[in-house]
Amino acid sequence: MTPEVILAIARDAVLTMLLVSAPMLISGLLIGLIISILQAITQVHEMTLTFIPKIIVVALSLLLFLPWIINTIVDFTNRMYAMIPTL
């Protein structure tokens, strides 16, 4: 194994991880931003007001994007298994 192969595998793994986690992170970021703006406008600073909607939106985005996430992880796994004979 050359360092270039190891770097390519690591780059592919990090890219796959970022792609898989992006839908939940972006949805949590957007709902957090919306709730923060609403809290600033109404001056209601209840801590549970931020966590419950974030949990619900992240869970819903996970359910919505789950087929795509599974396909992405399976494709990555297949690429790694296909590389085994070349190593």
Protein backbone atom coordinates (compact mmCIF):
# COMPACT_ATOMS: atom_id res chain seq x y z
CA MET A 1 0.00 0.00 0.00
CA THR A 2 1.38 3.33 -1.02
CA PRO A 3 0.70 6.55 0.82
CA GLU A 4 -1.34 7.76 -2.15
CA VAL A 5 -3.72 4.80 -1.85
CA ILE A 6 -4.11 5.37 1.88
CA LEU A 7 -4.82 9.06 1.31
CA ALA A 8 -7.37 8.23 -1.40
CA ILE A 9 -9.17 5.80 0.92
CA ALA A 10 -9.13 8.32 3.77
CA ARG A 11 -10.38 11.11 1.48
CA ASP A 12 -13.19 8.89 0.20
CA ALA A 13 -14.14 7.92 3.76
CA VAL A 14 -14.22 11.53 4.97
CA LEU A 15 -16.21 12.67 1.93
CA THR A 16 -18.72 9.87 2.45
CA MET A 17 -19.04 10.76 6.14
CA LEU A 18 -19.64 14.42 5.30
CA LEU A 19 -22.23 13.56 2.65
CA VAL A 20 -24.08 11.20 5.00
CA SER A 21 -24.17 13.64 7.91
CA ALA A 22 -24.93 16.79 5.89
CA PRO A 23 -28.75 16.51 5.69
CA MET A 24 -29.17 16.22 9.47
CA LEU A 25 -26.59 18.91 10.22
CA ILE A 26 -28.05 21.39 7.74
CA SER A 27 -31.62 20.83 8.92
CA GLY A 28 -30.56 21.22 12.56
CA LEU A 29 -28.66 24.38 11.67
CA LEU A 30 -31.60 25.91 9.82
CA ILE A 31 -34.17 25.14 12.52
CA GLY A 32 -31.75 26.44 15.17
CA LEU A 33 -31.31 29.66 13.24
CA ILE A 34 -35.06 30.11 12.83
CA ILE A 35 -35.70 29.46 16.52
CA SER A 36 -32.90 31.84 17.53
CA ILE A 37 -34.41 34.59 15.40
CA LEU A 38 -37.84 33.95 16.93
CA GLN A 39 -36.35 34.03 20.43
CA ALA A 40 -34.58 37.29 19.69
CA ILE A 41 -37.79 38.84 18.33
CA THR A 42 -40.03 37.67 21.18
CA GLN A 43 -37.35 37.78 23.91
CA VAL A 44 -38.43 34.35 25.14
CA HIS A 45 -35.27 32.47 26.06
CA GLU A 46 -36.55 29.07 27.09
CA MET A 47 -33.86 26.40 26.72
CA THR A 48 -36.26 23.56 25.90
CA LEU A 49 -37.67 25.62 23.06
CA THR A 50 -34.47 25.09 21.10
CA PHE A 51 -33.88 21.40 21.74
CA ILE A 52 -37.28 19.83 21.07
CA PRO A 53 -37.78 21.25 17.54
CA LYS A 54 -34.18 20.42 16.63
CA ILE A 55 -34.60 16.82 17.74
CA ILE A 56 -37.86 16.50 15.80
CA VAL A 57 -36.48 18.08 12.61
CA VAL A 58 -33.25 16.06 12.70
CA ALA A 59 -35.23 12.83 13.25
CA LEU A 60 -37.56 13.68 10.37
CA SER A 61 -34.66 14.53 8.06
CA LEU A 62 -33.01 11.24 9.05
CA LEU A 63 -36.18 9.36 8.10
CA LEU A 64 -36.50 11.31 4.87
CA PHE A 65 -32.88 10.83 3.77
CA LEU A 66 -32.40 7.30 5.14
CA PRO A 67 -32.68 5.51 1.76
CA TRP A 68 -30.10 7.86 0.22
CA ILE A 69 -27.82 7.47 3.26
CA ILE A 70 -27.99 3.69 3.06
CA ASN A 71 -27.22 3.76 -0.68
CA THR A 72 -24.25 6.05 -0.10
CA ILE A 73 -22.81 3.83 2.63
CA VAL A 74 -23.39 0.66 0.60
CA ASP A 75 -21.67 2.23 -2.43
CA PHE A 76 -18.70 3.20 -0.27
CA THR A 77 -18.52 -0.30 1.18
CA ASN A 78 -18.67 -1.86 -2.28
CA ARG A 79 -15.85 0.41 -3.46
CA MET A 80 -13.74 -0.62 -0.47
CA TYR A 81 -14.41 -4.33 -1.08
CA ALA A 82 -13.57 -3.89 -4.76
CA MET A 83 -10.20 -2.37 -3.80
CA ILE A 84 -9.13 -5.36 -1.69
CA PRO A 85 -7.66 -7.41 -4.58
CA THR A 86 -5.64 -4.42 -5.80
CA LEU A 87 -3.99 -3.89 -2.45
